[in-house]
């Protein structure tokens, strides 16, 4: 489910990802740890770590325990609070992490209490295994994922993900450029899926890669339970399939990546162009083709390399027919940060975002250097049936600011505030928007 955790910035200062590991997807609840070391003290080196952090963080032998208060907010799912104890086991004679166990209990304002168990295992710096299970009154999840970034010690990577998910935080406003905010309805998504991906460098040592992906999804939606909001079948019954709909989508991607880090990027560029297809009758109920592009550029100031200008442009077009949950969408932290996830849906979309990241403070807490960053941003985006239908009238501007705690190389805790044509939206989450 889309549980967006803001793990307190003080905790983010102590947890990071193995240097050669692959970045997580925006909707995966994942915690990866590296080089956790307790602060050392002496008569001349006094531990300045706040008492709260010392209470949260404890290490004994090769085991580390962290107690994490949770605060999560989402324009669709509302606010969740809770607690998550984390146990980290290090490998013998090494600072590398062998496994992480992270259960949690949360209370959501709409969906009530939920319990989640997370387990992460890292045989080496290239392989990882993830298992997640959630039980709640309206939401539940079961996920198993295996990643290998160097299959048989080659430049081939492989990822297999099996997922069962019930998410009660869906909102639907209709399809099209001018879907009305007042027509919003809530729904619960019930989905089963598998996702398998394999990639390889086009030339040894090259920044260019080719990647193949197969994704099977079986999903249906039912009326939601958000108080005071009508269910999707009440407002849009004719547009909603009544039973599970299955789709098998194949995708081929070409990528260029010269970034210095996949998560805490300070320089370089990323470009991905992809084509996907679904054929009715071949494990799918729909015929469609999908084309997309995602381009990102990062430029550090020559005299202040900690200040980074970042830009992204993304677009997608679907030809054929597909259920609304597979159509391109606009809104949320990862496309347009003043609108809820899935606020606008149509056969095509584009979004462009720029932001200026300023480092305003740096400190060492719990033995880990952490930067506080402020990033004003602006963006614009729209949806359309076809590219020729895109007009300035339906372009949605966004302005805002993000406040972040960054523990390099690969941990970011972010609070993004965006203002658009429908007011203010706030996103508490991990990772940059792009």
Protein backbone atom coordinates (compact mmCIF):
# COMPACT_ATOMS: atom_id res chain seq x y z
CA UNK A 1 0.00 0.00 0.00
CA UNK A 2 1.08 3.58 -0.40
CA UNK A 3 2.27 4.11 3.15
CA UNK A 4 4.37 7.24 2.99
CA UNK A 5 6.44 7.36 6.17
CA UNK A 6 8.22 10.42 7.39
CA UNK A 7 10.81 8.72 9.54
CA UNK A 8 11.88 11.53 11.85
CA UNK A 9 14.85 13.48 10.47
CA UNK A 10 16.91 12.50 13.52
CA UNK A 11 16.43 8.85 12.54
CA UNK A 12 17.26 9.60 8.92
CA UNK A 13 20.57 10.93 10.16
CA UNK A 14 21.49 7.41 11.32
CA UNK A 15 20.28 5.21 8.47
CA UNK A 16 21.60 4.94 4.92
CA UNK A 17 21.64 2.48 2.03
CA UNK A 18 24.53 0.24 0.91
CA UNK A 19 26.67 2.18 -1.52
CA UNK A 20 26.09 -0.07 -4.52
CA UNK A 21 22.43 -0.86 -3.92
CA UNK A 22 19.63 0.14 -6.24
CA UNK A 23 17.21 2.93 -5.37
CA UNK A 24 13.72 2.07 -4.17
CA UNK A 25 10.48 2.76 -6.14
CA UNK A 26 8.22 5.77 -4.98
CA UNK A 27 5.56 3.55 -3.70
CA UNK A 28 7.78 0.88 -1.89
CA UNK A 29 8.14 1.00 1.90
CA UNK A 30 11.81 0.18 2.29
CA UNK A 31 14.57 0.93 4.81
CA UNK A 32 18.21 0.10 4.10
CA UNK A 33 21.07 0.75 6.47
CA UNK A 34 24.80 1.35 6.19
CA UNK A 35 27.66 2.07 8.53
CA UNK A 36 25.71 2.69 11.70
CA UNK A 37 28.25 3.65 14.35
CA UNK A 38 27.56 4.97 17.84
CA UNK A 39 29.07 8.33 18.67
CA UNK A 40 32.36 8.19 20.55
CA UNK A 41 33.21 10.48 23.41
CA UNK A 42 36.25 11.51 25.37
CA UNK A 43 37.20 14.27 27.77
CA UNK A 44 37.93 16.52 24.79
CA UNK A 45 35.24 15.18 22.47
CA UNK A 46 31.87 15.54 24.14
CA UNK A 47 28.87 13.79 22.62
CA UNK A 48 26.52 16.55 21.51
CA UNK A 49 23.85 14.17 20.31
CA UNK A 50 20.45 15.26 21.68
CA UNK A 51 19.00 13.12 24.46
CA UNK A 52 16.04 12.14 22.24
CA UNK A 53 18.40 10.66 19.64
CA UNK A 54 20.35 8.76 22.31
CA UNK A 55 17.04 7.31 23.52
CA UNK A 56 16.05 6.29 19.99
CA UNK A 57 19.44 4.81 19.03
CA UNK A 58 21.16 1.91 20.86
CA UNK A 59 23.98 -0.43 19.83
CA UNK A 60 25.27 -3.59 21.50
CA UNK A 61 27.89 -5.83 19.89
CA UNK A 62 26.82 -6.30 16.25
CA UNK A 63 23.18 -5.39 16.83
CA UNK A 64 21.57 -1.96 16.61
CA UNK A 65 18.16 -0.96 17.88
CA UNK A 66 16.31 2.20 16.83
CA UNK A 67 12.92 3.31 18.13
CA UNK A 68 11.21 5.48 15.54
CA UNK A 69 8.09 7.60 16.07
CA UNK A 70 6.11 7.78 12.80
CA UNK A 71 4.22 10.70 11.34
CA UNK A 72 2.81 10.24 7.84
CA UNK A 73 0.56 12.48 5.79
CA UNK A 74 -0.99 12.02 2.36
CA UNK A 75 -3.59 14.20 0.58
CA UNK A 76 -5.55 11.02 -0.19
CA UNK A 77 -5.13 8.90 2.93
CA UNK A 78 -4.93 11.58 5.60
CA UNK A 79 -2.66 11.41 8.64
CA UNK A 80 -1.13 8.38 10.36
CA UNK A 81 0.80 8.24 13.61
CA UNK A 82 2.59 5.32 15.19
CA UNK A 83 5.84 3.76 16.30
CA UNK A 84 8.38 1.49 14.60
CA UNK A 85 11.15 -0.34 16.48
CA UNK A 86 13.98 -1.38 14.17
CA UNK A 87 16.56 -4.11 14.77
CA UNK A 88 19.67 -4.05 12.60
CA UNK A 89 22.15 -6.93 12.50
CA UNK A 90 25.64 -6.27 11.17
CA UNK A 91 27.91 -8.82 9.56
CA UNK A 92 30.81 -10.21 11.54
CA UNK A 93 34.03 -8.19 11.26
CA UNK A 94 32.28 -5.63 9.06
CA UNK A 95 30.13 -2.49 9.26
CA UNK A 96 27.93 -3.86 6.46
CA UNK A 97 24.35 -4.73 7.30
CA UNK A 98 23.20 -8.33 7.15
CA UNK A 99 19.50 -7.90 7.99
CA UNK A 100 16.87 -5.44 9.21
CA UNK A 101 13.65 -6.24 11.04
CA UNK A 102 11.16 -3.37 11.31
CA UNK A 103 7.62 -3.95 12.60
CA UNK A 104 5.29 -1.00 13.17
CA UNK A 105 1.90 -0.10 14.58
CA UNK A 106 0.08 2.92 13.14
CA UNK A 107 -3.28 4.62 13.53
CA UNK A 108 -4.82 6.29 10.48
CA UNK A 109 -7.53 8.93 10.82
CA UNK A 110 -9.69 7.18 8.20
CA UNK A 111 -8.74 3.51 8.28
CA UNK A 112 -7.95 2.82 11.93
CA UNK A 113 -5.06 0.72 13.30
CA UNK A 114 -2.66 -1.20 11.07
CA UNK A 115 0.21 -3.55 11.87
CA UNK A 116 3.15 -4.04 9.50
CA UNK A 117 6.14 -6.39 9.57
CA UNK A 118 9.20 -5.69 7.39
CA UNK A 119 12.26 -7.85 6.86
CA UNK A 120 15.28 -7.00 4.68
CA UNK A 121 18.20 -9.35 4.06
CA UNK A 122 21.45 -8.43 2.28
CA UNK A 123 23.68 -11.42 1.38
CA UNK A 124 26.17 -9.02 -0.21
CA UNK A 125 26.38 -5.49 -1.61
CA UNK A 126 24.60 -6.51 -4.84
CA UNK A 127 21.79 -8.75 -3.60
CA UNK A 128 18.78 -8.00 -1.41
CA UNK A 129 15.62 -9.78 -0.29
CA UNK A 130 12.53 -7.96 1.03
CA UNK A 131 9.40 -9.27 2.72
CA UNK A 132 6.58 -6.99 3.94
CA UNK A 133 3.18 -7.83 5.41
CA UNK A 134 0.42 -5.48 6.63
CA UNK A 135 -2.88 -6.24 8.33
CA UNK A 136 -5.61 -3.67 8.94
CA UNK A 137 -9.37 -3.27 8.85
CA UNK A 138 -9.44 -1.84 5.32
CA UNK A 139 -5.86 -2.21 4.09
CA UNK A 140 -3.53 -5.19 3.82
CA UNK A 141 -0.40 -6.06 1.93
CA UNK A 142 1.94 -8.96 1.20
CA UNK A 143 5.14 -8.28 -0.76
CA UNK A 144 8.19 -10.37 -1.63
CA UNK A 145 11.03 -8.94 -3.72
CA UNK A 146 14.45 -10.19 -4.81
CA UNK A 147 17.09 -7.94 -6.42
CA UNK A 148 20.47 -8.80 -7.88
CA UNK A 149 22.51 -5.98 -9.41
CA UNK A 150 25.26 -8.28 -10.76
CA UNK A 151 23.88 -11.62 -11.94
CA UNK A 152 26.70 -14.19 -12.06
CA UNK A 153 29.15 -11.31 -11.56
CA UNK A 154 28.15 -9.69 -14.87
CA UNK A 155 26.70 -6.28 -15.73
CA UNK A 156 23.19 -7.75 -15.80
CA UNK A 157 20.67 -6.81 -13.12
CA UNK A 158 17.50 -8.68 -12.19
CA UNK A 159 14.46 -7.81 -10.09
CA UNK A 160 11.46 -10.00 -9.24
CA UNK A 161 8.53 -8.65 -7.23
CA UNK A 162 5.33 -10.44 -6.10
CA UNK A 163 2.69 -8.22 -4.54
CA UNK A 164 -0.82 -8.48 -3.08
CA UNK A 165 -2.21 -5.13 -2.02
CA UNK A 166 -5.44 -3.60 -0.73
CA UNK A 167 -5.22 0.20 -0.65
CA UNK A 168 -8.12 2.23 0.75
CA UNK A 169 -6.68 5.66 -0.06
CA UNK A 170 -7.73 6.02 -3.70
CA UNK A 171 -9.53 9.14 -4.96
CA UNK A 172 -11.11 9.48 -8.41
CA UNK A 173 -12.37 12.70 -9.99
CA UNK A 174 -13.24 11.50 -13.48
CA UNK A 175 -11.20 11.46 -16.66
CA UNK A 176 -10.08 14.50 -18.61
CA UNK A 177 -8.47 17.92 -18.41
CA UNK A 178 -11.39 19.62 -16.68
CA UNK A 179 -12.47 16.98 -14.16
CA UNK A 180 -14.05 18.87 -11.28
CA UNK A 181 -12.56 18.81 -7.80
CA UNK A 182 -16.04 18.69 -6.30
CA UNK A 183 -16.75 15.37 -8.05
CA UNK A 184 -14.16 13.47 -6.05
CA UNK A 185 -15.03 9.96 -4.91
CA UNK A 186 -13.14 7.42 -2.82
CA UNK A 187 -12.32 3.83 -3.66
CA UNK A 188 -10.51 0.77 -2.38
CA UNK A 189 -8.12 -0.92 -4.78
CA UNK A 190 -7.71 -4.72 -4.59
CA UNK A 191 -4.71 -5.90 -6.63
CA UNK A 192 -2.50 -8.91 -7.31
CA UNK A 193 0.65 -8.47 -9.40
CA UNK A 194 4.06 -9.71 -10.35
CA UNK A 195 6.82 -7.59 -11.86
CA UNK A 196 10.05 -8.90 -13.38
CA UNK A 197 12.81 -6.70 -14.80
CA UNK A 198 16.21 -7.42 -16.35
CA UNK A 199 18.72 -4.87 -17.62
CA UNK A 200 22.20 -4.74 -19.12
CA UNK A 201 24.71 -2.10 -20.23
CA UNK A 202 24.74 -1.59 -23.99
CA UNK A 203 28.56 -1.43 -23.87
CA UNK A 204 30.86 -2.37 -20.97
CA UNK A 205 31.31 0.63 -18.70
CA UNK A 206 28.78 2.67 -20.69
CA UNK A 207 26.19 5.01 -19.18
CA UNK A 208 23.65 3.59 -21.64
CA UNK A 209 21.52 0.61 -20.62
CA UNK A 210 18.69 -1.44 -22.08
CA UNK A 211 16.00 -2.88 -19.84
CA UNK A 212 13.10 -5.30 -20.38
CA UNK A 213 10.12 -5.55 -18.05
CA UNK A 214 7.00 -7.72 -17.74
CA UNK A 215 4.18 -6.71 -15.42
CA UNK A 216 1.01 -8.72 -14.75
CA UNK A 217 -1.70 -6.97 -12.76
CA UNK A 218 -5.17 -8.13 -11.73
CA UNK A 219 -7.20 -5.38 -10.05
CA UNK A 220 -10.68 -4.23 -9.16
CA UNK A 221 -12.02 -1.26 -7.21
CA UNK A 222 -14.88 -0.97 -4.72
CA UNK A 223 -16.45 1.95 -2.87
CA UNK A 224 -14.18 3.71 -0.43
CA UNK A 225 -14.73 4.40 3.26
CA UNK A 226 -13.48 7.99 3.70
CA UNK A 227 -16.11 9.78 5.83
CA UNK A 228 -18.27 12.33 4.03
CA UNK A 229 -17.11 11.29 0.55
CA UNK A 230 -19.18 9.23 -1.93
CA UNK A 231 -17.85 5.93 -3.21
CA UNK A 232 -16.57 5.61 -6.77
CA UNK A 233 -19.43 3.34 -7.88
CA UNK A 234 -21.94 5.88 -6.61
CA UNK A 235 -20.43 8.74 -8.62
CA UNK A 236 -18.90 6.92 -11.63
CA UNK A 237 -20.52 3.51 -11.80
CA UNK A 238 -20.50 3.37 -15.60
CA UNK A 239 -16.75 4.01 -15.78
CA UNK A 240 -15.72 1.34 -13.27
CA UNK A 241 -15.31 -2.36 -14.11
CA UNK A 242 -17.41 -4.55 -11.84
CA UNK A 243 -14.93 -7.43 -11.52
CA UNK A 244 -11.20 -8.05 -11.50
CA UNK A 245 -9.54 -6.88 -14.72
CA UNK A 246 -6.24 -8.46 -15.76
CA UNK A 247 -3.50 -6.76 -17.76
CA UNK A 248 -0.15 -8.10 -18.94
CA UNK A 249 2.11 -5.23 -20.01
CA UNK A 250 5.54 -5.69 -21.57
CA UNK A 251 7.96 -2.78 -21.66
CA UNK A 252 11.34 -2.01 -23.26
CA UNK A 253 13.41 0.91 -21.97
CA UNK A 254 16.59 2.69 -23.02
CA UNK A 255 18.40 4.66 -20.33
CA UNK A 256 21.30 7.08 -20.02
CA UNK A 257 22.54 7.75 -16.50
CA UNK A 258 25.56 9.87 -15.53
CA UNK A 259 24.34 10.85 -12.04
CA UNK A 260 26.78 10.64 -9.15
CA UNK A 261 24.04 9.06 -6.98
CA UNK A 262 20.62 7.66 -7.79
CA UNK A 263 19.07 9.20 -4.66
CA UNK A 264 21.13 12.11 -3.27
CA UNK A 265 22.14 13.40 -6.70
CA UNK A 266 24.35 16.49 -6.95
CA UNK A 267 25.38 16.39 -10.63
CA UNK A 268 24.79 14.56 -13.88
CA UNK A 269 21.84 13.63 -16.07
CA UNK A 270 19.30 10.85 -16.45
CA UNK A 271 17.22 10.05 -19.55
CA UNK A 272 14.78 7.18 -19.98
CA UNK A 273 12.65 6.46 -23.04
CA UNK A 274 10.31 3.49 -23.00
CA UNK A 275 7.61 1.69 -24.96
CA UNK A 276 5.03 -0.70 -23.51
CA UNK A 277 2.21 -2.79 -24.89
CA UNK A 278 -0.70 -4.97 -23.84
CA UNK A 279 -2.44 -7.43 -26.18
CA UNK A 280 -5.99 -8.56 -25.48
CA UNK A 281 -6.17 -12.32 -25.18
CA UNK A 282 -2.52 -12.73 -24.14
CA UNK A 283 -3.07 -12.72 -20.37
CA UNK A 284 -4.78 -9.35 -20.78
CA UNK A 285 -8.26 -7.91 -21.12
CA UNK A 286 -7.09 -4.77 -22.96
CA UNK A 287 -5.29 -3.64 -26.11
CA UNK A 288 -3.03 -0.60 -25.76
CA UNK A 289 0.42 0.84 -26.45
CA UNK A 290 2.25 3.12 -24.04
CA UNK A 291 5.13 5.53 -24.77
CA UNK A 292 6.98 7.64 -22.26
CA UNK A 293 10.04 9.74 -21.47
CA UNK A 294 11.67 10.91 -18.25
CA UNK A 295 14.57 13.39 -18.36
CA UNK A 296 16.44 14.89 -15.38
CA UNK A 297 19.40 17.28 -15.08
CA UNK A 298 21.41 18.34 -12.02
CA UNK A 299 23.82 21.28 -11.95
CA UNK A 300 25.91 22.25 -8.87
CA UNK A 301 26.90 25.90 -8.51
CA UNK A 302 30.59 26.29 -9.47
CA UNK A 303 31.54 28.17 -6.29
CA UNK A 304 28.94 26.49 -4.03
CA UNK A 305 28.66 22.82 -5.08
CA UNK A 306 26.31 22.08 -2.16
CA UNK A 307 23.67 24.23 -3.90
CA UNK A 308 22.18 22.23 -6.77
CA UNK A 309 19.80 23.31 -9.52
CA UNK A 310 17.58 20.39 -10.57
CA UNK A 311 15.13 20.04 -13.47
CA UNK A 312 12.85 17.29 -14.74
CA UNK A 313 10.47 16.83 -17.64
CA UNK A 314 8.32 13.74 -18.07
CA UNK A 315 5.59 12.69 -20.44
CA UNK A 316 3.49 9.67 -21.30
CA UNK A 317 0.94 8.73 -23.96
CA UNK A 318 -1.36 5.71 -24.12
CA UNK A 319 -3.09 4.60 -27.33
CA UNK A 320 -5.92 2.11 -27.00
CA UNK A 321 -8.07 1.40 -23.99
CA UNK A 322 -7.20 0.63 -20.38
CA UNK A 323 -8.87 0.94 -16.96
CA UNK A 324 -8.37 4.29 -15.28
CA UNK A 325 -5.80 2.96 -12.80
CA UNK A 326 -3.43 2.15 -15.69
CA UNK A 327 -3.86 5.45 -17.51
CA UNK A 328 -1.29 8.28 -17.23
CA UNK A 329 -2.00 10.48 -14.22
CA UNK A 330 -0.96 13.87 -12.90
CA UNK A 331 -0.64 14.80 -9.24
CA UNK A 332 1.31 13.76 -6.19
CA UNK A 333 4.86 14.27 -5.04
CA UNK A 334 6.42 12.65 -8.11
CA UNK A 335 4.67 14.69 -10.82
CA UNK A 336 2.93 17.87 -9.59
CA UNK A 337 3.29 18.73 -5.91
CA UNK A 338 0.09 20.72 -5.28
CA UNK A 339 -2.42 18.01 -6.16
CA UNK A 340 -3.37 14.63 -4.73
CA UNK A 341 -2.12 11.42 -6.35
CA UNK A 342 -4.20 10.71 -9.46
CA UNK A 343 -5.92 14.11 -9.40
CA UNK A 344 -5.99 14.28 -13.24
CA UNK A 345 -6.19 11.19 -15.48
CA UNK A 346 -6.28 10.84 -19.27
CA UNK A 347 -4.54 9.05 -22.13
CA UNK A 348 -1.61 11.47 -22.02
CA UNK A 349 0.24 13.68 -19.55
CA UNK A 350 3.24 15.93 -19.22
CA UNK A 351 4.90 17.58 -16.23
CA UNK A 352 7.92 19.85 -15.91
CA UNK A 353 9.54 20.78 -12.60
CA UNK A 354 12.53 22.85 -11.50
CA UNK A 355 13.91 23.41 -8.02
CA UNK A 356 16.91 25.05 -6.39
CA UNK A 357 18.36 23.07 -3.50
CA UNK A 358 20.15 25.17 -0.87
CA UNK A 359 22.11 23.58 1.96
CA UNK A 360 21.40 25.77 4.98
CA UNK A 361 22.81 23.70 7.85
CA UNK A 362 25.05 20.72 8.48
CA UNK A 363 25.56 18.84 11.74
CA UNK A 364 26.83 15.51 13.01
CA UNK A 365 24.31 13.62 15.11
CA UNK A 366 24.55 10.04 16.29
CA UNK A 367 27.88 9.91 14.45
CA UNK A 368 26.40 10.64 11.02
CA UNK A 369 26.71 13.89 9.05
CA UNK A 370 23.33 15.32 8.12
CA UNK A 371 22.44 18.29 5.92
CA UNK A 372 19.34 20.43 6.24
CA UNK A 373 18.18 21.62 2.85
CA UNK A 374 15.58 24.14 1.64
CA UNK A 375 14.42 23.88 -1.97
CA UNK A 376 11.96 26.33 -3.55
CA UNK A 377 10.35 24.76 -6.62
CA UNK A 378 8.01 25.49 -9.51
CA UNK A 379 6.23 23.21 -11.93
CA UNK A 380 3.57 22.91 -14.59
CA UNK A 381 1.66 19.99 -16.04
CA UNK A 382 -1.46 18.82 -17.81
CA UNK A 383 -3.31 15.76 -19.09
CA UNK A 384 -4.91 15.27 -22.50
CA UNK A 385 -6.50 12.65 -24.74
CA UNK A 386 -3.92 13.27 -27.49
CA UNK A 387 -0.88 15.60 -27.68
CA UNK A 388 -2.77 17.83 -30.14
CA UNK A 389 -5.39 18.43 -27.42
CA UNK A 390 -2.88 19.91 -24.96
CA UNK A 391 -3.66 23.60 -24.40
CA UNK A 392 -2.36 26.33 -22.11
CA UNK A 393 -5.85 26.68 -20.64
CA UNK A 394 -5.55 23.35 -18.83
CA UNK A 395 -1.92 23.65 -17.78
CA UNK A 396 -1.70 23.54 -13.98
CA UNK A 397 1.05 25.67 -12.37
CA UNK A 398 2.60 24.81 -9.01
CA UNK A 399 4.84 26.78 -6.67
CA UNK A 400 6.23 25.66 -3.34
CA UNK A 401 9.11 24.82 -1.04
CA UNK A 402 10.58 21.59 0.29
CA UNK A 403 12.43 21.14 3.58
CA UNK A 404 14.73 18.13 3.75
CA UNK A 405 17.11 16.21 5.98
CA UNK A 406 19.78 14.52 3.84
CA UNK A 407 22.15 11.84 5.16
CA UNK A 408 24.39 10.97 2.23
CA UNK A 409 24.90 8.85 0.28
CA UNK A 410 21.27 7.73 -0.03
CA UNK A 411 18.77 8.89 2.58
CA UNK A 412 16.41 11.85 2.24
CA UNK A 413 13.51 12.83 4.49
CA UNK A 414 11.36 15.47 2.84
CA UNK A 415 8.41 17.72 3.61
CA UNK A 416 7.06 19.34 0.41
CA UNK A 417 4.52 22.18 0.43
CA UNK A 418 2.95 23.02 -2.95
CA UNK A 419 0.33 25.60 -3.93
CA UNK A 420 -1.75 25.21 -7.09
CA UNK A 421 -5.16 26.12 -8.44
CA UNK A 422 -6.89 24.08 -5.74
CA UNK A 423 -4.97 25.37 -2.73
CA UNK A 424 -2.19 23.93 -0.60
CA UNK A 425 -0.98 20.31 -0.51
CA UNK A 426 1.68 18.81 1.76
CA UNK A 427 3.65 15.60 1.27
CA UNK A 428 5.73 13.98 4.03
CA UNK A 429 7.86 11.28 2.50
CA UNK A 430 11.30 9.81 1.95
CA UNK A 431 13.35 10.58 -1.21
CA UNK A 432 13.47 13.55 -3.53
CA UNK A 433 10.60 14.25 -5.91
CA UNK A 434 13.07 13.51 -8.74
